[in-house]
């Protein structure tokens, strides 16, 4: 089960959204991003989730997703006399592209439970 297929992407983005040789890879990367974010593929996959997947494809094509991340600035120190500059970044932080923000908003609109870890159902007798 996947969030989006090549046919879905062509319907939403247009048949010429990418060269034919790149479409399968782009759809795979979008499905991977969505699955990593949500933790599972819901059944059924809603239009919002398909649109979110297409936003990820657009972000990959714009070289804003899967292209390296920029860290968030935690502290910046500037000294005018004797010219001194210092920057400290948040550990593990990065900025989100507009494509990722849109995809996350579409995911959030679905109200899905997030499962980013393996769970075992607890049954009490």
PDB file of N, CA and C in Angstrom:
ATOM      1  N   UNK A   1       0.846  -1.182   0.000  1.00  0.00           N
ATOM      2  CA  UNK A   1       0.000   0.000   0.000  1.00  0.00           C
ATOM      3  C   UNK A   1       0.889   1.243   0.000  1.00  0.00           C
ATOM      4  N   UNK A   2       0.516   2.220  -0.792  1.00  0.00           N
ATOM      5  CA  UNK A   2       1.284   3.453  -0.892  1.00  0.00           C
ATOM      6  C   UNK A   2       0.362   4.659  -0.758  1.00  0.00           C
ATOM      7  N   UNK A   3       0.954   5.816  -0.532  1.00  0.00           N
ATOM      8  CA  UNK A   3       0.189   7.054  -0.461  1.00  0.00           C
ATOM      9  C   UNK A   3      -0.212   7.527  -1.846  1.00  0.00           C
ATOM     10  N   UNK A   4       0.692   7.354  -2.798  1.00  0.00           N
ATOM     11  CA  UNK A   4       0.463   7.885  -4.135  1.00  0.00           C
ATOM     12  C   UNK A   4       1.105   6.967  -5.167  1.00  0.00           C
ATOM     13  N   UNK A   5       0.499   6.914  -6.329  1.00  0.00           N
ATOM     14  CA  UNK A   5       1.055   6.151  -7.450  1.00  0.00           C
ATOM     15  C   UNK A   5       1.482   7.138  -8.536  1.00  0.00           C
ATOM     16  N   UNK A   6       2.164   6.637  -9.533  1.00  0.00           N
ATOM     17  CA  UNK A   6       2.541   7.495 -10.662  1.00  0.00           C
ATOM     18  C   UNK A   6       1.285   8.051 -11.326  1.00  0.00           C
ATOM     19  N   UNK A   7       0.254   7.217 -11.472  1.00  0.00           N
ATOM     20  CA  UNK A   7      -1.002   7.670 -12.088  1.00  0.00           C
ATOM     21  C   UNK A   7      -1.639   8.792 -11.265  1.00  0.00           C
ATOM     22  N   UNK A   8      -1.623   8.660  -9.920  1.00  0.00           N
ATOM     23  CA  UNK A   8      -2.153   9.726  -9.057  1.00  0.00           C
ATOM     24  C   UNK A   8      -1.374  11.020  -9.265  1.00  0.00           C
ATOM     25  N   UNK A   9      -0.048  10.910  -9.279  1.00  0.00           N
ATOM     26  CA  UNK A   9       0.804  12.093  -9.445  1.00  0.00           C
ATOM     27  C   UNK A   9       0.550  12.758 -10.793  1.00  0.00           C
ATOM     28  N   UNK A  10       0.374  11.962 -11.833  1.00  0.00           N
ATOM     29  CA  UNK A  10       0.096  12.521 -13.162  1.00  0.00           C
ATOM     30  C   UNK A  10      -1.260  13.221 -13.193  1.00  0.00           C
ATOM     31  N   UNK A  11      -2.243  12.665 -12.494  1.00  0.00           N
ATOM     32  CA  UNK A  11      -3.568  13.280 -12.438  1.00  0.00           C
ATOM     33  C   UNK A  11      -3.513  14.622 -11.715  1.00  0.00           C
ATOM     34  N   UNK A  12      -2.790  14.671 -10.599  1.00  0.00           N
ATOM     35  CA  UNK A  12      -2.743  15.883  -9.777  1.00  0.00           C
ATOM     36  C   UNK A  12      -1.766  16.916 -10.337  1.00  0.00           C
ATOM     37  N   UNK A  13      -0.582  16.476 -10.728  1.00  0.00           N
ATOM     38  CA  UNK A  13       0.478  17.397 -11.156  1.00  0.00           C
ATOM     39  C   UNK A  13       0.553  17.588 -12.667  1.00  0.00           C
ATOM     40  N   UNK A  14      -0.103  16.716 -13.411  1.00  0.00           N
ATOM     41  CA  UNK A  14      -0.005  16.750 -14.869  1.00  0.00           C
ATOM     42  C   UNK A  14       0.953  15.674 -15.349  1.00  0.00           C
ATOM     43  N   UNK A  15       0.695  15.150 -16.526  1.00  0.00           N
ATOM     44  CA  UNK A  15       1.489  14.038 -17.057  1.00  0.00           C
ATOM     45  C   UNK A  15       2.950  14.407 -17.273  1.00  0.00           C
ATOM     46  N   UNK A  16       3.224  15.693 -17.402  1.00  0.00           N
ATOM     47  CA  UNK A  16       4.599  16.127 -17.656  1.00  0.00           C
ATOM     48  C   UNK A  16       5.295  16.650 -16.392  1.00  0.00           C
ATOM     49  N   UNK A  17       4.872  16.196 -15.205  1.00  0.00           N
ATOM     50  CA  UNK A  17       5.467  16.702 -13.966  1.00  0.00           C
ATOM     51  C   UNK A  17       6.944  16.361 -13.849  1.00  0.00           C
ATOM     52  N   UNK A  18       7.380  15.316 -14.541  1.00  0.00           N
ATOM     53  CA  UNK A  18       8.794  14.909 -14.527  1.00  0.00           C
ATOM     54  C   UNK A  18       9.039  14.015 -15.734  1.00  0.00           C
ATOM     55  N   UNK A  19      10.304  13.859 -16.133  1.00  0.00           N
ATOM     56  CA  UNK A  19      10.602  12.900 -17.201  1.00  0.00           C
ATOM     57  C   UNK A  19      10.162  11.494 -16.779  1.00  0.00           C
ATOM     58  N   UNK A  20       9.715  10.694 -17.744  1.00  0.00           N
ATOM     59  CA  UNK A  20       9.202   9.356 -17.435  1.00  0.00           C
ATOM     60  C   UNK A  20      10.182   8.525 -16.619  1.00  0.00           C
ATOM     61  N   UNK A  21      11.460   8.659 -16.874  1.00  0.00           N
ATOM     62  CA  UNK A  21      12.466   7.883 -16.155  1.00  0.00           C
ATOM     63  C   UNK A  21      12.629   8.276 -14.697  1.00  0.00           C
ATOM     64  N   UNK A  22      12.139   9.462 -14.312  1.00  0.00           N
ATOM     65  CA  UNK A  22      12.281   9.943 -12.933  1.00  0.00           C
ATOM     66  C   UNK A  22      11.015   9.765 -12.099  1.00  0.00           C
ATOM     67  N   UNK A  23       9.894   9.493 -12.740  1.00  0.00           N
ATOM     68  CA  UNK A  23       8.612   9.465 -12.032  1.00  0.00           C
ATOM     69  C   UNK A  23       8.564   8.413 -10.932  1.00  0.00           C
ATOM     70  N   UNK A  24       9.021   7.207 -11.215  1.00  0.00           N
ATOM     71  CA  UNK A  24       8.967   6.135 -10.213  1.00  0.00           C
ATOM     72  C   UNK A  24       9.802   6.495  -8.989  1.00  0.00           C
ATOM     73  N   UNK A  25      10.974   7.066  -9.211  1.00  0.00           N
ATOM     74  CA  UNK A  25      11.851   7.452  -8.101  1.00  0.00           C
ATOM     75  C   UNK A  25      11.214   8.568  -7.276  1.00  0.00           C
ATOM     76  N   UNK A  26      10.630   9.565  -7.927  1.00  0.00           N
ATOM     77  CA  UNK A  26       9.983  10.666  -7.216  1.00  0.00           C
ATOM     78  C   UNK A  26       8.807  10.183  -6.377  1.00  0.00           C
ATOM     79  N   UNK A  27       8.010   9.290  -6.939  1.00  0.00           N
ATOM     80  CA  UNK A  27       6.870   8.735  -6.204  1.00  0.00           C
ATOM     81  C   UNK A  27       7.364   7.904  -5.022  1.00  0.00           C
ATOM     82  N   UNK A  28       8.415   7.123  -5.221  1.00  0.00           N
ATOM     83  CA  UNK A  28       9.001   6.340  -4.130  1.00  0.00           C
ATOM     84  C   UNK A  28       9.483   7.252  -3.006  1.00  0.00           C
ATOM     85  N   UNK A  29      10.182   8.332  -3.345  1.00  0.00           N
ATOM     86  CA  UNK A  29      10.681   9.263  -2.331  1.00  0.00           C
ATOM     87  C   UNK A  29       9.540   9.962  -1.597  1.00  0.00           C
ATOM     88  N   UNK A  30       8.487  10.336  -2.322  1.00  0.00           N
ATOM     89  CA  UNK A  30       7.330  10.971  -1.682  1.00  0.00           C
ATOM     90  C   UNK A  30       6.640   9.998  -0.733  1.00  0.00           C
ATOM     91  N   UNK A  31       6.459   8.761  -1.165  1.00  0.00           N
ATOM     92  CA  UNK A  31       5.857   7.748  -0.296  1.00  0.00           C
ATOM     93  C   UNK A  31       6.712   7.506   0.941  1.00  0.00           C
ATOM     94  N   UNK A  32       8.021   7.497   0.765  1.00  0.00           N
ATOM     95  CA  UNK A  32       8.936   7.302   1.895  1.00  0.00           C
ATOM     96  C   UNK A  32       8.822   8.456   2.879  1.00  0.00           C
ATOM     97  N   UNK A  33       8.804   9.690   2.378  1.00  0.00           N
ATOM     98  CA  UNK A  33       8.694  10.866   3.244  1.00  0.00           C
ATOM     99  C   UNK A  33       7.395  10.809   4.046  1.00  0.00           C
ATOM    100  N   UNK A  34       6.298  10.523   3.357  1.00  0.00           N
ATOM    101  CA  UNK A  34       4.987  10.468   4.021  1.00  0.00           C
ATOM    102  C   UNK A  34       4.949   9.360   5.072  1.00  0.00           C
ATOM    103  N   UNK A  35       5.472   8.192   4.735  1.00  0.00           N
ATOM    104  CA  UNK A  35       5.457   7.075   5.689  1.00  0.00           C
ATOM    105  C   UNK A  35       6.329   7.388   6.897  1.00  0.00           C
ATOM    106  N   UNK A  36       7.474   8.024   6.680  1.00  0.00           N
ATOM    107  CA  UNK A  36       8.332   8.401   7.800  1.00  0.00           C
ATOM    108  C   UNK A  36       7.655   9.431   8.691  1.00  0.00           C
ATOM    109  N   UNK A  37       6.857  10.293   8.113  1.00  0.00           N
ATOM    110  CA  UNK A  37       6.187  11.327   8.894  1.00  0.00           C
ATOM    111  C   UNK A  37       5.002  10.773   9.675  1.00  0.00           C
ATOM    112  N   UNK A  38       4.187   9.953   9.039  1.00  0.00           N
ATOM    113  CA  UNK A  38       2.977   9.431   9.685  1.00  0.00           C
ATOM    114  C   UNK A  38       3.265   8.143  10.447  1.00  0.00           C
ATOM    115  N   UNK A  39       4.115   7.298   9.901  1.00  0.00           N
ATOM    116  CA  UNK A  39       4.460   6.046  10.562  1.00  0.00           C
ATOM    117  C   UNK A  39       3.777   4.833   9.967  1.00  0.00           C
ATOM    118  N   UNK A  40       2.765   5.048   9.169  1.00  0.00           N
ATOM    119  CA  UNK A  40       2.037   3.946   8.540  1.00  0.00           C
ATOM    120  C   UNK A  40       1.259   4.510   7.354  1.00  0.00           C
ATOM    121  N   UNK A  41       0.730   3.629   6.527  1.00  0.00           N
ATOM    122  CA  UNK A  41      -0.107   4.056   5.401  1.00  0.00           C
ATOM    123  C   UNK A  41      -1.555   3.746   5.770  1.00  0.00           C
ATOM    124  N   UNK A  42      -2.380   4.784   5.968  1.00  0.00           N
ATOM    125  CA  UNK A  42      -3.772   4.532   6.341  1.00  0.00           C
ATOM    126  C   UNK A  42      -4.564   3.955   5.172  1.00  0.00           C
ATOM    127  N   UNK A  43      -5.641   3.291   5.502  1.00  0.00           N
ATOM    128  CA  UNK A  43      -6.517   2.735   4.483  1.00  0.00           C
ATOM    129  C   UNK A  43      -7.920   3.253   4.754  1.00  0.00           C
ATOM    130  N   UNK A  44      -8.491   4.046   3.914  1.00  0.00           N
ATOM    131  CA  UNK A  44      -8.027   4.450   2.589  1.00  0.00           C
ATOM    132  C   UNK A  44      -7.084   5.649   2.672  1.00  0.00           C
ATOM    133  N   UNK A  45      -6.343   5.884   1.603  1.00  0.00           N
ATOM    134  CA  UNK A  45      -5.499   7.067   1.479  1.00  0.00           C
ATOM    135  C   UNK A  45      -6.384   8.183   0.929  1.00  0.00           C
ATOM    136  N   UNK A  46      -6.520   9.256   1.700  1.00  0.00           N
ATOM    137  CA  UNK A  46      -7.432  10.345   1.326  1.00  0.00           C
ATOM    138  C   UNK A  46      -6.802  11.273   0.285  1.00  0.00           C
ATOM    139  N   UNK A  47      -7.644  12.130  -0.283  1.00  0.00           N
ATOM    140  CA  UNK A  47      -7.155  13.114  -1.258  1.00  0.00           C
ATOM    141  C   UNK A  47      -6.133  14.056  -0.634  1.00  0.00           C
ATOM    142  N   UNK A  48      -6.341  14.440   0.643  1.00  0.00           N
ATOM    143  CA  UNK A  48      -5.370  15.309   1.317  1.00  0.00           C
ATOM    144  C   UNK A  48      -3.992  14.665   1.380  1.00  0.00           C
ATOM    145  N   UNK A  49      -3.948  13.368   1.656  1.00  0.00           N
ATOM    146  CA  UNK A  49      -2.659  12.679   1.729  1.00  0.00           C
ATOM    147  C   UNK A  49      -2.014  12.569   0.349  1.00  0.00           C
ATOM    148  N   UNK A  50      -2.826  12.393  -0.670  1.00  0.00           N
ATOM    149  CA  UNK A  50      -2.290  12.373  -2.042  1.00  0.00           C
ATOM    150  C   UNK A  50      -1.760  13.751  -2.426  1.00  0.00           C
ATOM    151  N   UNK A  51      -2.492  14.807  -2.042  1.00  0.00           N
ATOM    152  CA  UNK A  51      -2.013  16.168  -2.302  1.00  0.00           C
ATOM    153  C   UNK A  51      -0.718  16.440  -1.541  1.00  0.00           C
ATOM    154  N   UNK A  52      -0.655  15.974  -0.296  1.00  0.00           N
ATOM    155  CA  UNK A  52       0.573  16.125   0.486  1.00  0.00           C
ATOM    156  C   UNK A  52       1.743  15.431  -0.175  1.00  0.00           C
ATOM    157  N   UNK A  53       1.507  14.246  -0.702  1.00  0.00           N
ATOM    158  CA  UNK A  53       2.557  13.512  -1.420  1.00  0.00           C
ATOM    159  C   UNK A  53       3.022  14.289  -2.643  1.00  0.00           C
ATOM    160  N   UNK A  54       2.084  14.917  -3.335  1.00  0.00           N
ATOM    161  CA  UNK A  54       2.446  15.724  -4.510  1.00  0.00           C
ATOM    162  C   UNK A  54       3.250  16.954  -4.114  1.00  0.00           C
ATOM    163  N   UNK A  55       2.960  17.533  -2.954  1.00  0.00           N
ATOM    164  CA  UNK A  55       3.767  18.658  -2.469  1.00  0.00           C
ATOM    165  C   UNK A  55       5.207  18.217  -2.233  1.00  0.00           C
ATOM    166  N   UNK A  56       5.372  17.010  -1.718  1.00  0.00           N
ATOM    167  CA  UNK A  56       6.719  16.485  -1.498  1.00  0.00           C
ATOM    168  C   UNK A  56       7.425  16.292  -2.841  1.00  0.00           C
ATOM    169  N   UNK A  57       6.718  15.774  -3.821  1.00  0.00           N
ATOM    170  CA  UNK A  57       7.311  15.625  -5.162  1.00  0.00           C
ATOM    171  C   UNK A  57       7.740  16.988  -5.699  1.00  0.00           C
ATOM    172  N   UNK A  58       6.879  18.004  -5.552  1.00  0.00           N
ATOM    173  CA  UNK A  58       7.230  19.345  -6.023  1.00  0.00           C
ATOM    174  C   UNK A  58       8.451  19.879  -5.278  1.00  0.00           C
ATOM    175  N   UNK A  59       8.537  19.595  -3.980  1.00  0.00           N
ATOM    176  CA  UNK A  59       9.693  20.028  -3.201  1.00  0.00           C
ATOM    177  C   UNK A  59      10.979  19.346  -3.626  1.00  0.00           C
ATOM    178  N   UNK A  60      10.884  18.068  -3.959  1.00  0.00           N
ATOM    179  CA  UNK A  60      12.064  17.335  -4.445  1.00  0.00           C
ATOM    180  C   UNK A  60      12.504  17.919  -5.784  1.00  0.00           C
ATOM    181  N   UNK A  61      11.542  18.177  -6.666  1.00  0.00           N
ATOM    182  CA  UNK A  61      11.865  18.749  -7.976  1.00  0.00           C
ATOM    183  C   UNK A  61      12.472  20.148  -7.852  1.00  0.00           C
ATOM    184  N   UNK A  62      12.056  20.902  -6.825  1.00  0.00           N
ATOM    185  CA  UNK A  62      12.595  22.246  -6.595  1.00  0.00           C
ATOM    186  C   UNK A  62      13.910  22.200  -5.823  1.00  0.00           C
ATOM    187  N   UNK A  63      14.386  20.982  -5.534  1.00  0.00           N
ATOM    188  CA  UNK A  63      15.644  20.773  -4.807  1.00  0.00           C
ATOM    189  C   UNK A  63      15.596  21.362  -3.398  1.00  0.00           C
ATOM    190  N   UNK A  64      14.410  21.330  -2.775  1.00  0.00           N
ATOM    191  CA  UNK A  64      14.257  21.830  -1.416  1.00  0.00           C
ATOM    192  C   UNK A  64      14.033  20.713  -0.406  1.00  0.00           C
ATOM    193  N   UNK A  65      13.791  19.504  -0.877  1.00  0.00           N
ATOM    194  CA  UNK A  65      13.616  18.350   0.005  1.00  0.00           C
ATOM    195  C   UNK A  65      14.621  17.297  -0.429  1.00  0.00           C
ATOM    196  N   UNK A  66      15.203  16.612   0.533  1.00  0.00           N
ATOM    197  CA  UNK A  66      16.258  15.621   0.288  1.00  0.00           C
ATOM    198  C   UNK A  66      17.473  16.271  -0.372  1.00  0.00           C
ATOM    199  N   UNK A  67      17.766  17.494   0.028  1.00  0.00           N
ATOM    200  CA  UNK A  67      18.920  18.182  -0.557  1.00  0.00           C
ATOM    201  C   UNK A  67      19.861  18.719   0.515  1.00  0.00           C
ATOM    202  N   UNK A  68      19.757  18.209   1.718  1.00  0.00           N
ATOM    203  CA  UNK A  68      20.553  18.737   2.822  1.00  0.00           C
ATOM    204  C   UNK A  68      19.709  19.727   3.605  1.00  0.00           C
ATOM    205  N   UNK A  69      20.002  19.865   4.869  1.00  0.00           N
ATOM    206  CA  UNK A  69      19.190  20.718   5.731  1.00  0.00           C
ATOM    207  C   UNK A  69      20.032  21.825   6.347  1.00  0.00           C
ATOM    208  N   UNK A  70      19.371  22.919   6.653  1.00  0.00           N
ATOM    209  CA  UNK A  70      20.000  24.062   7.286  1.00  0.00           C
ATOM    210  C   UNK A  70      19.615  24.060   8.761  1.00  0.00           C
ATOM    211  N   UNK A  71      20.584  24.261   9.633  1.00  0.00           N
ATOM    212  CA  UNK A  71      20.293  24.242  11.061  1.00  0.00           C
ATOM    213  C   UNK A  71      19.692  25.559  11.532  1.00  0.00           C
ATOM    214  N   UNK A  72      18.861  25.477  12.593  1.00  0.00           N
ATOM    215  CA  UNK A  72      18.277  26.660  13.205  1.00  0.00           C
ATOM    216  C   UNK A  72      19.300  27.333  14.093  1.00  0.00           C
ATOM    217  N   UNK A  73      19.308  28.645  14.057  1.00  0.00           N
ATOM    218  CA  UNK A  73      20.222  29.420  14.872  1.00  0.00           C
ATOM    219  C   UNK A  73      19.705  29.476  16.301  1.00  0.00           C
ATOM    220  N   UNK A  74      20.533  29.085  17.259  1.00  0.00           N
ATOM    221  CA  UNK A  74      20.162  29.116  18.668  1.00  0.00           C
ATOM    222  C   UNK A  74      20.621  30.434  19.292  1.00  0.00           C
ATOM    223  N   UNK A  75      21.835  30.839  18.947  1.00  0.00           N
ATOM    224  CA  UNK A  75      22.399  32.044  19.535  1.00  0.00           C
ATOM    225  C   UNK A  75      23.388  32.650  18.550  1.00  0.00           C
ATOM    226  N   UNK A  76      23.355  33.977  18.469  1.00  0.00           N
ATOM    227  CA  UNK A  76      24.310  34.680  17.608  1.00  0.00           C
ATOM    228  C   UNK A  76      24.938  35.800  18.426  1.00  0.00           C
ATOM    229  N   UNK A  77      26.251  35.866  18.416  1.00  0.00           N
ATOM    230  CA  UNK A  77      26.972  36.877  19.180  1.00  0.00           C
ATOM    231  C   UNK A  77      27.785  37.718  18.202  1.00  0.00           C
ATOM    232  N   UNK A  78      27.618  39.021  18.263  1.00  0.00           N
ATOM    233  CA  UNK A  78      28.355  39.933  17.390  1.00  0.00           C
ATOM    234  C   UNK A  78      29.030  40.987  18.260  1.00  0.00           C
ATOM    235  N   UNK A  79      30.283  41.257  17.998  1.00  0.00           N
ATOM    236  CA  UNK A  79      31.019  42.265  18.747  1.00  0.00           C
ATOM    237  C   UNK A  79      31.573  43.274  17.753  1.00  0.00           C
ATOM    238  N   UNK A  80      31.330  44.555  17.959  1.00  0.00           N
ATOM    239  CA  UNK A  80      31.743  45.578  16.997  1.00  0.00           C
ATOM    240  C   UNK A  80      33.229  45.915  17.101  1.00  0.00           C
ATOM    241  N   UNK A  81      33.730  46.088  18.295  1.00  0.00           N
ATOM    242  CA  UNK A  81      35.143  46.418  18.492  1.00  0.00           C
ATOM    243  C   UNK A  81      35.982  45.158  18.353  1.00  0.00           C
ATOM    244  N   UNK A  82      36.981  45.183  17.612  1.00  0.00           N
ATOM    245  CA  UNK A  82      37.876  44.053  17.306  1.00  0.00           C
ATOM    246  C   UNK A  82      37.174  42.941  16.521  1.00  0.00           C
ATOM    247  N   UNK A  83      36.052  43.214  15.957  1.00  0.00           N
ATOM    248  CA  UNK A  83      35.290  42.339  15.058  1.00  0.00           C
ATOM    249  C   UNK A  83      35.251  40.881  15.512  1.00  0.00           C
ATOM    250  N   UNK A  84      34.204  40.503  16.166  1.00  0.00           N
ATOM    251  CA  UNK A  84      34.013  39.127  16.628  1.00  0.00           C
ATOM    252  C   UNK A  84      32.606  38.674  16.258  1.00  0.00           C
ATOM    253  N   UNK A  85      32.472  37.476  15.781  1.00  0.00           N
ATOM    254  CA  UNK A  85      31.170  36.918  15.414  1.00  0.00           C
ATOM    255  C   UNK A  85      31.111  35.466  15.858  1.00  0.00           C
ATOM    256  N   UNK A  86      29.992  35.063  16.398  1.00  0.00           N
ATOM    257  CA  UNK A  86      29.843  33.693  16.881  1.00  0.00           C
ATOM    258  C   UNK A  86      28.413  33.243  16.628  1.00  0.00           C
ATOM    259  N   UNK A  87      28.246  32.032  16.150  1.00  0.00           N
ATOM    260  CA  UNK A  87      26.916  31.470  15.917  1.00  0.00           C
ATOM    261  C   UNK A  87      26.840  30.106  16.581  1.00  0.00           C
ATOM    262  N   UNK A  88      25.710  29.846  17.235  1.00  0.00           N
ATOM    263  CA  UNK A  88      25.469  28.540  17.848  1.00  0.00           C
ATOM    264  C   UNK A  88      24.135  28.024  17.321  1.00  0.00           C
ATOM    265  N   UNK A  89      24.129  26.769  16.876  1.00  0.00           N
ATOM    266  CA  UNK A  89      22.938  26.190  16.260  1.00  0.00           C
ATOM    267  C   UNK A  89      22.289  25.159  17.174  1.00  0.00           C
ATOM    268  N   UNK A  90      20.976  25.010  17.028  1.00  0.00           N
ATOM    269  CA  UNK A  90      20.235  23.983  17.754  1.00  0.00           C
ATOM    270  C   UNK A  90      20.709  22.616  17.290  1.00  0.00           C
ATOM    271  N   UNK A  91      20.871  21.700  18.201  1.00  0.00           N
ATOM    272  CA  UNK A  91      21.264  20.341  17.834  1.00  0.00           C
ATOM    273  C   UNK A  91      20.135  19.664  17.070  1.00  0.00           C
ATOM    274  N   UNK A  92      20.460  19.113  15.914  1.00  0.00           N
ATOM    275  CA  UNK A  92      19.488  18.349  15.130  1.00  0.00           C
ATOM    276  C   UNK A  92      18.385  19.171  14.499  1.00  0.00           C
ATOM    277  N   UNK A  93      18.521  20.483  14.476  1.00  0.00           N
ATOM    278  CA  UNK A  93      17.456  21.310  13.916  1.00  0.00           C
ATOM    279  C   UNK A  93      17.686  21.580  12.434  1.00  0.00           C
ATOM    280  N   UNK A  94      16.607  21.856  11.741  1.00  0.00           N
ATOM    281  CA  UNK A  94      16.685  22.215  10.328  1.00  0.00           C
ATOM    282  C   UNK A  94      15.432  22.990   9.948  1.00  0.00           C
ATOM    283  N   UNK A  95      15.519  23.726   8.892  1.00  0.00           N
ATOM    284  CA  UNK A  95      14.369  24.498   8.438  1.00  0.00           C
ATOM    285  C   UNK A  95      13.511  23.641   7.507  1.00  0.00           C
ATOM    286  N   UNK A  96      12.211  23.877   7.553  1.00  0.00           N
ATOM    287  CA  UNK A  96      11.281  23.156   6.683  1.00  0.00           C
ATOM    288  C   UNK A  96      10.997  23.991   5.445  1.00  0.00           C
ATOM    289  N   UNK A  97      10.958  23.337   4.306  1.00  0.00           N
ATOM    290  CA  UNK A  97      10.587  24.034   3.075  1.00  0.00           C
ATOM    291  C   UNK A  97       9.083  24.286   3.087  1.00  0.00           C
ATOM    292  N   UNK A  98       8.633  25.185   2.226  1.00  0.00           N
ATOM    293  CA  UNK A  98       7.196  25.452   2.131  1.00  0.00           C
ATOM    294  C   UNK A  98       6.441  24.201   1.690  1.00  0.00           C
ATOM    295  N   UNK A  99       7.088  23.363   0.887  1.00  0.00           N
ATOM    296  CA  UNK A  99       6.451  22.125   0.433  1.00  0.00           C
ATOM    297  C   UNK A  99       6.209  21.182   1.613  1.00  0.00           C
ATOM    298  N   UNK A 100       7.213  21.061   2.489  1.00  0.00           N
ATOM    299  CA  UNK A 100       7.065  20.213   3.671  1.00  0.00           C
ATOM    300  C   UNK A 100       6.007  20.774   4.610  1.00  0.00           C
ATOM    301  N   UNK A 101       5.968  22.098   4.769  1.00  0.00           N
ATOM    302  CA  UNK A 101       4.967  22.715   5.634  1.00  0.00           C
ATOM    303  C   UNK A 101       3.555  22.447   5.121  1.00  0.00           C
ATOM    304  N   UNK A 102       3.363  22.541   3.813  1.00  0.00           N
ATOM    305  CA  UNK A 102       2.044  22.266   3.227  1.00  0.00           C
ATOM    306  C   UNK A 102       1.675  20.800   3.421  1.00  0.00           C
ATOM    307  N   UNK A 103       2.623  19.899   3.156  1.00  0.00           N
ATOM    308  CA  UNK A 103       2.357  18.465   3.332  1.00  0.00           C
ATOM    309  C   UNK A 103       2.002  18.159   4.781  1.00  0.00           C
ATOM    310  N   UNK A 104       2.722  18.748   5.725  1.00  0.00           N
ATOM    311  CA  UNK A 104       2.433  18.525   7.144  1.00  0.00           C
ATOM    312  C   UNK A 104       1.062  19.074   7.525  1.00  0.00           C
ATOM    313  N   UNK A 105       0.687  20.217   6.968  1.00  0.00           N
ATOM    314  CA  UNK A 105      -0.639  20.776   7.241  1.00  0.00           C
ATOM    315  C   UNK A 105      -1.736  19.862   6.702  1.00  0.00           C
ATOM    316  N   UNK A 106      -1.529  19.296   5.522  1.00  0.00           N
ATOM    317  CA  UNK A 106      -2.514  18.367   4.952  1.00  0.00           C
ATOM    318  C   UNK A 106      -2.607  17.089   5.783  1.00  0.00           C
ATOM    319  N   UNK A 107      -1.478  16.618   6.281  1.00  0.00           N
ATOM    320  CA  UNK A 107      -1.481  15.438   7.157  1.00  0.00           C
ATOM    321  C   UNK A 107      -2.224  15.764   8.449  1.00  0.00           C
ATOM    322  N   UNK A 108      -1.918  16.918   9.034  1.00  0.00           N
ATOM    323  CA  UNK A 108      -2.551  17.337  10.287  1.00  0.00           C
ATOM    324  C   UNK A 108      -4.062  17.452  10.127  1.00  0.00           C
ATOM    325  N   UNK A 109      -4.517  17.914   8.964  1.00  0.00           N
ATOM    326  CA  UNK A 109      -5.951  18.067   8.708  1.00  0.00           C
ATOM    327  C   UNK A 109      -6.689  16.730   8.754  1.00  0.00           C
ATOM    328  N   UNK A 110      -5.973  15.650   8.541  1.00  0.00           N
ATOM    329  CA  UNK A 110      -6.597  14.324   8.564  1.00  0.00           C
ATOM    330  C   UNK A 110      -6.834  13.817   9.983  1.00  0.00           C
ATOM    331  N   UNK A 111      -6.138  14.388  10.959  1.00  0.00           N
ATOM    332  CA  UNK A 111      -6.313  13.960  12.345  1.00  0.00           C
ATOM    333  C   UNK A 111      -5.866  12.534  12.604  1.00  0.00           C
ATOM    334  N   UNK A 112      -4.871  12.085  11.877  1.00  0.00           N
ATOM    335  CA  UNK A 112      -4.380  10.712  12.028  1.00  0.00           C
ATOM    336  C   UNK A 112      -3.527  10.574  13.280  1.00  0.00           C
ATOM    337  N   UNK A 113      -3.627   9.437  13.953  1.00  0.00           N
ATOM    338  CA  UNK A 113      -2.705   9.206  15.069  1.00  0.00           C
ATOM    339  C   UNK A 113      -1.306   8.980  14.519  1.00  0.00           C
ATOM    340  N   UNK A 114      -0.309   9.521  15.206  1.00  0.00           N
ATOM    341  CA  UNK A 114       1.073   9.342  14.753  1.00  0.00           C
ATOM    342  C   UNK A 114       1.671   8.131  15.444  1.00  0.00           C
ATOM    343  N   UNK A 115       2.237   7.256  14.652  1.00  0.00           N
ATOM    344  CA  UNK A 115       2.898   6.057  15.165  1.00  0.00           C
ATOM    345  C   UNK A 115       4.277   5.986  14.547  1.00  0.00           C
ATOM    346  N   UNK A 116       5.239   6.648  15.169  1.00  0.00           N
ATOM    347  CA  UNK A 116       6.600   6.625  14.638  1.00  0.00           C
ATOM    348  C   UNK A 116       7.422   5.548  15.330  1.00  0.00           C
ATOM    349  N   UNK A 117       6.759   4.624  15.945  1.00  0.00           N
ATOM    350  CA  UNK A 117       7.479   3.564  16.630  1.00  0.00           C
ATOM    351  C   UNK A 117       6.664   2.284  16.543  1.00  0.00           C
ATOM    352  N   UNK A 118       7.301   1.169  16.826  1.00  0.00           N
ATOM    353  CA  UNK A 118       6.639  -0.128  16.791  1.00  0.00           C
ATOM    354  C   UNK A 118       5.778  -0.280  18.038  1.00  0.00           C
ATOM    355  N   UNK A 119       4.532  -0.691  17.876  1.00  0.00           N
ATOM    356  CA  UNK A 119       3.649  -0.873  19.025  1.00  0.00           C
ATOM    357  C   UNK A 119       3.080  -2.281  19.032  1.00  0.00           C
ATOM    358  N   UNK A 120       2.797  -2.750  20.225  1.00  0.00           N
ATOM    359  CA  UNK A 120       2.155  -4.048  20.421  1.00  0.00           C
ATOM    360  C   UNK A 120       0.876  -3.778  21.196  1.00  0.00           C
ATOM    361  N   UNK A 121      -0.250  -4.269  20.715  1.00  0.00           N
ATOM    362  CA  UNK A 121      -1.489  -4.024  21.439  1.00  0.00           C
ATOM    363  C   UNK A 121      -1.471  -4.684  22.817  1.00  0.00           C
ATOM    364  N   UNK A 122      -1.992  -3.971  23.803  1.00  0.00           N
ATOM    365  CA  UNK A 122      -2.057  -4.484  25.163  1.00  0.00           C
ATOM    366  C   UNK A 122      -3.455  -5.046  25.396  1.00  0.00           C
ATOM    367  N   UNK A 123      -3.531  -6.319  25.760  1.00  0.00           N
ATOM    368  CA  UNK A 123      -4.811  -6.976  26.026  1.00  0.00           C
ATOM    369  C   UNK A 123      -4.809  -7.412  27.481  1.00  0.00           C
ATOM    370  N   UNK A 124      -5.782  -6.913  28.227  1.00  0.00           N
ATOM    371  CA  UNK A 124      -5.884  -7.267  29.651  1.00  0.00           C
ATOM    372  C   UNK A 124      -7.081  -8.181  29.851  1.00  0.00           C
ATOM    373  N   UNK A 125      -6.899  -9.178  30.660  1.00  0.00           N
ATOM    374  CA  UNK A 125      -7.994 -10.111  30.965  1.00  0.00           C
ATOM    375  C   UNK A 125      -8.607  -9.813  32.300  1.00  0.00           C
TER     376      UNK A 125
END
